[in-house]
Amino acid sequence: MYFDGMIIALSTFFIIGLFHPIVIKTEYYFGTRPWWIFLLTGLAAIIGSLCISNTLLSAIVGVIGASLLWSIGELFQQKKRVERGWFPKRPSRDKEAEV
């Protein structure tokens, strides 16, 4: 039996599930400012996946890269969801300093 397809599928499911809370926490603590970090690491992962000869590892690194790039759009969508009141908004730092 060949398990590579199943391993890639489960890894993809896990990676996407991992990036969901990462996007939420990033927007909560930093806003949309770190979008460029997602861009650079995503591009690096995709380029890195082109240099890996192992098919399984290359696919997983490629999925990580694609998820990082997809997270840029999700980060800005998360900002809109916070503005709509669907997610909690972080209190301003000025209010934290007063307490």
N, C-alpha and C. Protein backbone atom coordinates (compact mmCIF):
# COMPACT_ATOMS: atom_id res chain seq x y z
N MET A 1 0.84 -1.19 0.00
CA MET A 1 0.00 0.00 0.00
C MET A 1 0.88 1.25 0.00
N TYR A 2 0.35 2.28 -0.64
CA TYR A 2 1.05 3.56 -0.68
C TYR A 2 0.26 4.57 0.14
N PHE A 3 0.92 5.12 1.13
CA PHE A 3 0.24 6.02 2.06
C PHE A 3 0.57 7.49 1.82
N ASP A 4 1.35 7.80 0.80
CA ASP A 4 1.75 9.19 0.58
C ASP A 4 0.56 10.11 0.40
N GLY A 5 -0.41 9.72 -0.39
CA GLY A 5 -1.60 10.55 -0.61
C GLY A 5 -2.36 10.81 0.68
N MET A 6 -2.51 9.77 1.50
CA MET A 6 -3.22 9.93 2.77
C MET A 6 -2.43 10.83 3.72
N ILE A 7 -1.12 10.67 3.73
CA ILE A 7 -0.29 11.50 4.61
C ILE A 7 -0.37 12.96 4.17
N ILE A 8 -0.33 13.21 2.87
CA ILE A 8 -0.44 14.59 2.37
C ILE A 8 -1.81 15.16 2.72
N ALA A 9 -2.86 14.38 2.55
CA ALA A 9 -4.21 14.85 2.86
C ALA A 9 -4.36 15.18 4.34
N LEU A 10 -3.90 14.30 5.21
CA LEU A 10 -4.00 14.56 6.65
C LEU A 10 -3.13 15.74 7.06
N SER A 11 -1.96 15.85 6.46
CA SER A 11 -1.08 16.98 6.76
C SER A 11 -1.72 18.29 6.32
N THR A 12 -2.35 18.29 5.15
CA THR A 12 -3.03 19.48 4.66
C THR A 12 -4.15 19.87 5.60
N PHE A 13 -4.93 18.91 6.02
CA PHE A 13 -6.02 19.17 6.96
C PHE A 13 -5.49 19.76 8.26
N PHE A 14 -4.41 19.20 8.78
CA PHE A 14 -3.80 19.68 10.01
C PHE A 14 -3.23 21.08 9.84
N ILE A 15 -2.55 21.34 8.73
CA ILE A 15 -1.92 22.64 8.49
C ILE A 15 -2.98 23.74 8.38
N ILE A 16 -4.04 23.46 7.63
CA ILE A 16 -5.11 24.46 7.49
C ILE A 16 -5.76 24.70 8.85
N GLY A 17 -5.98 23.66 9.61
CA GLY A 17 -6.54 23.81 10.96
C GLY A 17 -5.62 24.57 11.89
N LEU A 18 -4.33 24.45 11.69
CA LEU A 18 -3.36 25.17 12.51
C LEU A 18 -3.33 26.65 12.18
N PHE A 19 -3.47 27.00 10.90
CA PHE A 19 -3.39 28.40 10.50
C PHE A 19 -4.63 29.20 10.87
N HIS A 20 -5.76 28.54 11.08
CA HIS A 20 -6.97 29.28 11.47
C HIS A 20 -6.76 30.05 12.77
N PRO A 21 -6.35 29.42 13.86
CA PRO A 21 -6.12 30.20 15.09
C PRO A 21 -4.91 31.13 14.98
N ILE A 22 -3.93 30.80 14.16
CA ILE A 22 -2.78 31.69 13.99
C ILE A 22 -3.24 33.02 13.41
N VAL A 23 -4.11 32.97 12.41
CA VAL A 23 -4.62 34.20 11.80
C VAL A 23 -5.43 34.99 12.81
N ILE A 24 -6.27 34.33 13.58
CA ILE A 24 -7.10 35.02 14.57
C ILE A 24 -6.23 35.69 15.62
N LYS A 25 -5.25 34.98 16.15
CA LYS A 25 -4.37 35.54 17.18
C LYS A 25 -3.49 36.66 16.62
N THR A 26 -3.01 36.49 15.40
CA THR A 26 -2.18 37.53 14.79
C THR A 26 -2.96 38.82 14.64
N GLU A 27 -4.20 38.72 14.14
CA GLU A 27 -5.01 39.93 13.97
C GLU A 27 -5.34 40.55 15.32
N TYR A 28 -5.60 39.73 16.32
CA TYR A 28 -5.95 40.23 17.64
C TYR A 28 -4.80 41.02 18.26
N TYR A 29 -3.60 40.47 18.22
CA TYR A 29 -2.47 41.10 18.89
C TYR A 29 -1.72 42.12 18.04
N PHE A 30 -1.70 41.93 16.72
CA PHE A 30 -0.87 42.80 15.87
C PHE A 30 -1.63 43.49 14.76
N GLY A 31 -2.91 43.18 14.58
CA GLY A 31 -3.67 43.75 13.47
C GLY A 31 -3.22 43.10 12.16
N THR A 32 -3.28 43.87 11.09
CA THR A 32 -2.89 43.32 9.78
C THR A 32 -1.45 43.67 9.41
N ARG A 33 -0.73 44.34 10.31
CA ARG A 33 0.65 44.75 10.01
C ARG A 33 1.58 43.61 9.62
N PRO A 34 1.50 42.42 10.21
CA PRO A 34 2.47 41.36 9.85
C PRO A 34 2.14 40.60 8.57
N TRP A 35 1.29 41.15 7.70
CA TRP A 35 0.95 40.43 6.48
C TRP A 35 2.19 40.11 5.66
N TRP A 36 3.17 40.97 5.67
CA TRP A 36 4.38 40.76 4.87
C TRP A 36 5.20 39.57 5.38
N ILE A 37 5.08 39.26 6.67
CA ILE A 37 5.77 38.07 7.20
C ILE A 37 5.16 36.81 6.59
N PHE A 38 3.83 36.79 6.49
CA PHE A 38 3.15 35.67 5.84
C PHE A 38 3.59 35.57 4.38
N LEU A 39 3.74 36.72 3.71
CA LEU A 39 4.15 36.72 2.32
C LEU A 39 5.56 36.15 2.15
N LEU A 40 6.50 36.67 2.90
CA LEU A 40 7.89 36.23 2.76
C LEU A 40 8.08 34.76 3.13
N THR A 41 7.47 34.34 4.24
CA THR A 41 7.62 32.94 4.64
C THR A 41 6.88 32.01 3.69
N GLY A 42 5.75 32.46 3.16
CA GLY A 42 5.02 31.65 2.19
C GLY A 42 5.80 31.46 0.91
N LEU A 43 6.37 32.56 0.41
CA LEU A 43 7.18 32.45 -0.81
C LEU A 43 8.42 31.59 -0.57
N ALA A 44 9.05 31.76 0.59
CA ALA A 44 10.23 30.96 0.93
C ALA A 44 9.87 29.48 0.99
N ALA A 45 8.71 29.15 1.57
CA ALA A 45 8.29 27.75 1.66
C ALA A 45 8.01 27.17 0.28
N ILE A 46 7.37 27.95 -0.57
CA ILE A 46 7.07 27.45 -1.92
C ILE A 46 8.36 27.25 -2.71
N ILE A 47 9.26 28.21 -2.62
CA ILE A 47 10.55 28.05 -3.31
C ILE A 47 11.32 26.87 -2.71
N GLY A 48 11.26 26.74 -1.39
CA GLY A 48 11.91 25.61 -0.74
C GLY A 48 11.34 24.28 -1.18
N SER A 49 10.04 24.25 -1.40
CA SER A 49 9.43 22.98 -1.83
C SER A 49 9.91 22.57 -3.22
N LEU A 50 10.32 23.54 -4.02
CA LEU A 50 10.84 23.23 -5.35
C LEU A 50 12.24 22.62 -5.28
N CYS A 51 12.91 22.83 -4.16
CA CYS A 51 14.29 22.35 -4.01
C CYS A 51 14.38 21.03 -3.24
N ILE A 52 13.26 20.53 -2.76
CA ILE A 52 13.25 19.29 -1.98
C ILE A 52 12.95 18.12 -2.91
N SER A 53 13.82 17.14 -2.89
CA SER A 53 13.65 16.01 -3.81
C SER A 53 12.63 14.98 -3.32
N ASN A 54 12.43 14.91 -2.01
CA ASN A 54 11.46 13.98 -1.44
C ASN A 54 10.05 14.49 -1.74
N THR A 55 9.28 13.72 -2.48
CA THR A 55 7.95 14.15 -2.91
C THR A 55 7.03 14.46 -1.74
N LEU A 56 7.02 13.61 -0.74
CA LEU A 56 6.14 13.80 0.41
C LEU A 56 6.48 15.08 1.15
N LEU A 57 7.74 15.28 1.47
CA LEU A 57 8.17 16.47 2.19
C LEU A 57 7.96 17.72 1.35
N SER A 58 8.24 17.64 0.05
CA SER A 58 8.06 18.77 -0.85
C SER A 58 6.59 19.20 -0.89
N ALA A 59 5.69 18.22 -0.95
CA ALA A 59 4.26 18.53 -0.98
C ALA A 59 3.81 19.20 0.32
N ILE A 60 4.28 18.71 1.44
CA ILE A 60 3.88 19.28 2.73
C ILE A 60 4.42 20.71 2.87
N VAL A 61 5.67 20.94 2.48
CA VAL A 61 6.24 22.29 2.55
C VAL A 61 5.49 23.22 1.58
N GLY A 62 5.11 22.71 0.42
CA GLY A 62 4.32 23.49 -0.52
C GLY A 62 2.96 23.86 0.03
N VAL A 63 2.33 22.94 0.73
CA VAL A 63 1.04 23.22 1.36
C VAL A 63 1.20 24.28 2.45
N ILE A 64 2.27 24.20 3.20
CA ILE A 64 2.54 25.23 4.22
C ILE A 64 2.70 26.60 3.55
N GLY A 65 3.45 26.64 2.45
CA GLY A 65 3.64 27.89 1.72
C GLY A 65 2.33 28.45 1.20
N ALA A 66 1.51 27.60 0.60
CA ALA A 66 0.22 28.05 0.09
C ALA A 66 -0.68 28.52 1.22
N SER A 67 -0.63 27.84 2.35
CA SER A 67 -1.45 28.25 3.51
C SER A 67 -1.00 29.59 4.06
N LEU A 68 0.30 29.83 4.06
CA LEU A 68 0.81 31.13 4.50
C LEU A 68 0.33 32.24 3.57
N LEU A 69 0.38 32.00 2.28
CA LEU A 69 -0.09 33.02 1.33
C LEU A 69 -1.60 33.23 1.45
N TRP A 70 -2.34 32.16 1.63
CA TRP A 70 -3.79 32.26 1.79
C TRP A 70 -4.12 33.03 3.08
N SER A 71 -3.28 32.90 4.08
CA SER A 71 -3.52 33.56 5.36
C SER A 71 -3.46 35.07 5.26
N ILE A 72 -2.79 35.60 4.24
CA ILE A 72 -2.77 37.05 4.07
C ILE A 72 -4.18 37.57 3.83
N GLY A 73 -4.89 36.94 2.92
CA GLY A 73 -6.28 37.33 2.67
C GLY A 73 -7.16 37.10 3.89
N GLU A 74 -6.93 36.00 4.57
CA GLU A 74 -7.72 35.71 5.77
C GLU A 74 -7.46 36.72 6.88
N LEU A 75 -6.24 37.22 6.95
CA LEU A 75 -5.90 38.23 7.96
C LEU A 75 -6.73 39.49 7.76
N PHE A 76 -6.86 39.93 6.51
CA PHE A 76 -7.66 41.11 6.22
C PHE A 76 -9.16 40.82 6.36
N GLN A 77 -9.57 39.60 6.05
CA GLN A 77 -10.97 39.22 6.28
C GLN A 77 -11.27 39.16 7.78
N GLN A 78 -10.30 38.71 8.56
CA GLN A 78 -10.48 38.66 10.02
C GLN A 78 -10.67 40.06 10.57
N LYS A 79 -9.95 41.02 10.02
CA LYS A 79 -10.12 42.42 10.44
C LYS A 79 -11.56 42.86 10.22
N LYS A 80 -12.14 42.49 9.07
CA LYS A 80 -13.53 42.83 8.78
C LYS A 80 -14.49 42.11 9.73
N ARG A 81 -14.17 40.85 10.04
CA ARG A 81 -15.03 40.10 10.97
C ARG A 81 -15.01 40.73 12.35
N VAL A 82 -13.86 41.24 12.78
CA VAL A 82 -13.76 41.93 14.08
C VAL A 82 -14.58 43.21 14.03
N GLU A 83 -14.47 43.96 12.94
CA GLU A 83 -15.23 45.20 12.81
C GLU A 83 -16.74 44.95 12.83
N ARG A 84 -17.17 43.81 12.33
CA ARG A 84 -18.59 43.46 12.34
C ARG A 84 -19.04 42.95 13.71
N GLY A 85 -18.09 42.70 14.60
CA GLY A 85 -18.43 42.22 15.93
C GLY A 85 -18.50 40.72 16.04
N TRP A 86 -18.05 40.00 15.04
CA TRP A 86 -18.10 38.54 15.07
C TRP A 86 -17.00 37.95 15.94
N PHE A 87 -15.91 38.71 16.13
CA PHE A 87 -14.80 38.29 16.97
C PHE A 87 -14.46 39.44 17.91
N PRO A 88 -13.88 39.13 19.07
CA PRO A 88 -13.57 40.21 20.02
C PRO A 88 -12.46 41.12 19.50
N LYS A 89 -12.60 42.40 19.84
CA LYS A 89 -11.59 43.39 19.48
C LYS A 89 -10.68 43.60 20.67
N ARG A 90 -9.40 43.70 20.42
CA ARG A 90 -8.44 43.89 21.51
C ARG A 90 -8.56 45.32 22.02
N PRO A 91 -8.63 45.47 23.35
CA PRO A 91 -8.68 46.83 23.91
C PRO A 91 -7.40 47.57 23.52
N SER A 92 -7.51 48.89 23.40
CA SER A 92 -6.34 49.66 23.00
C SER A 92 -5.27 49.61 24.09
N ARG A 93 -4.05 49.79 23.69
CA ARG A 93 -2.93 49.73 24.64
C ARG A 93 -2.98 50.89 25.61
N ASP A 94 -3.57 52.02 25.21
CA ASP A 94 -3.68 53.16 26.13
C ASP A 94 -4.54 52.81 27.33
N LYS A 95 -5.62 52.08 27.10
CA LYS A 95 -6.47 51.68 28.20
C LYS A 95 -5.78 50.69 29.12
N GLU A 96 -4.93 49.83 28.54
CA GLU A 96 -4.19 48.86 29.36
C GLU A 96 -3.19 49.58 30.26
N ALA A 97 -2.60 50.66 29.78
CA ALA A 97 -1.62 51.40 30.56
C ALA A 97 -2.27 52.10 31.74
N GLU A 98 -3.53 52.51 31.61
CA GLU A 98 -4.23 53.20 32.69
C GLU A 98 -4.57 52.26 33.83
N VAL A 99 -4.78 51.01 33.54
CA VAL A 99 -5.22 50.03 34.57
C VAL A 99 -4.11 49.66 35.45
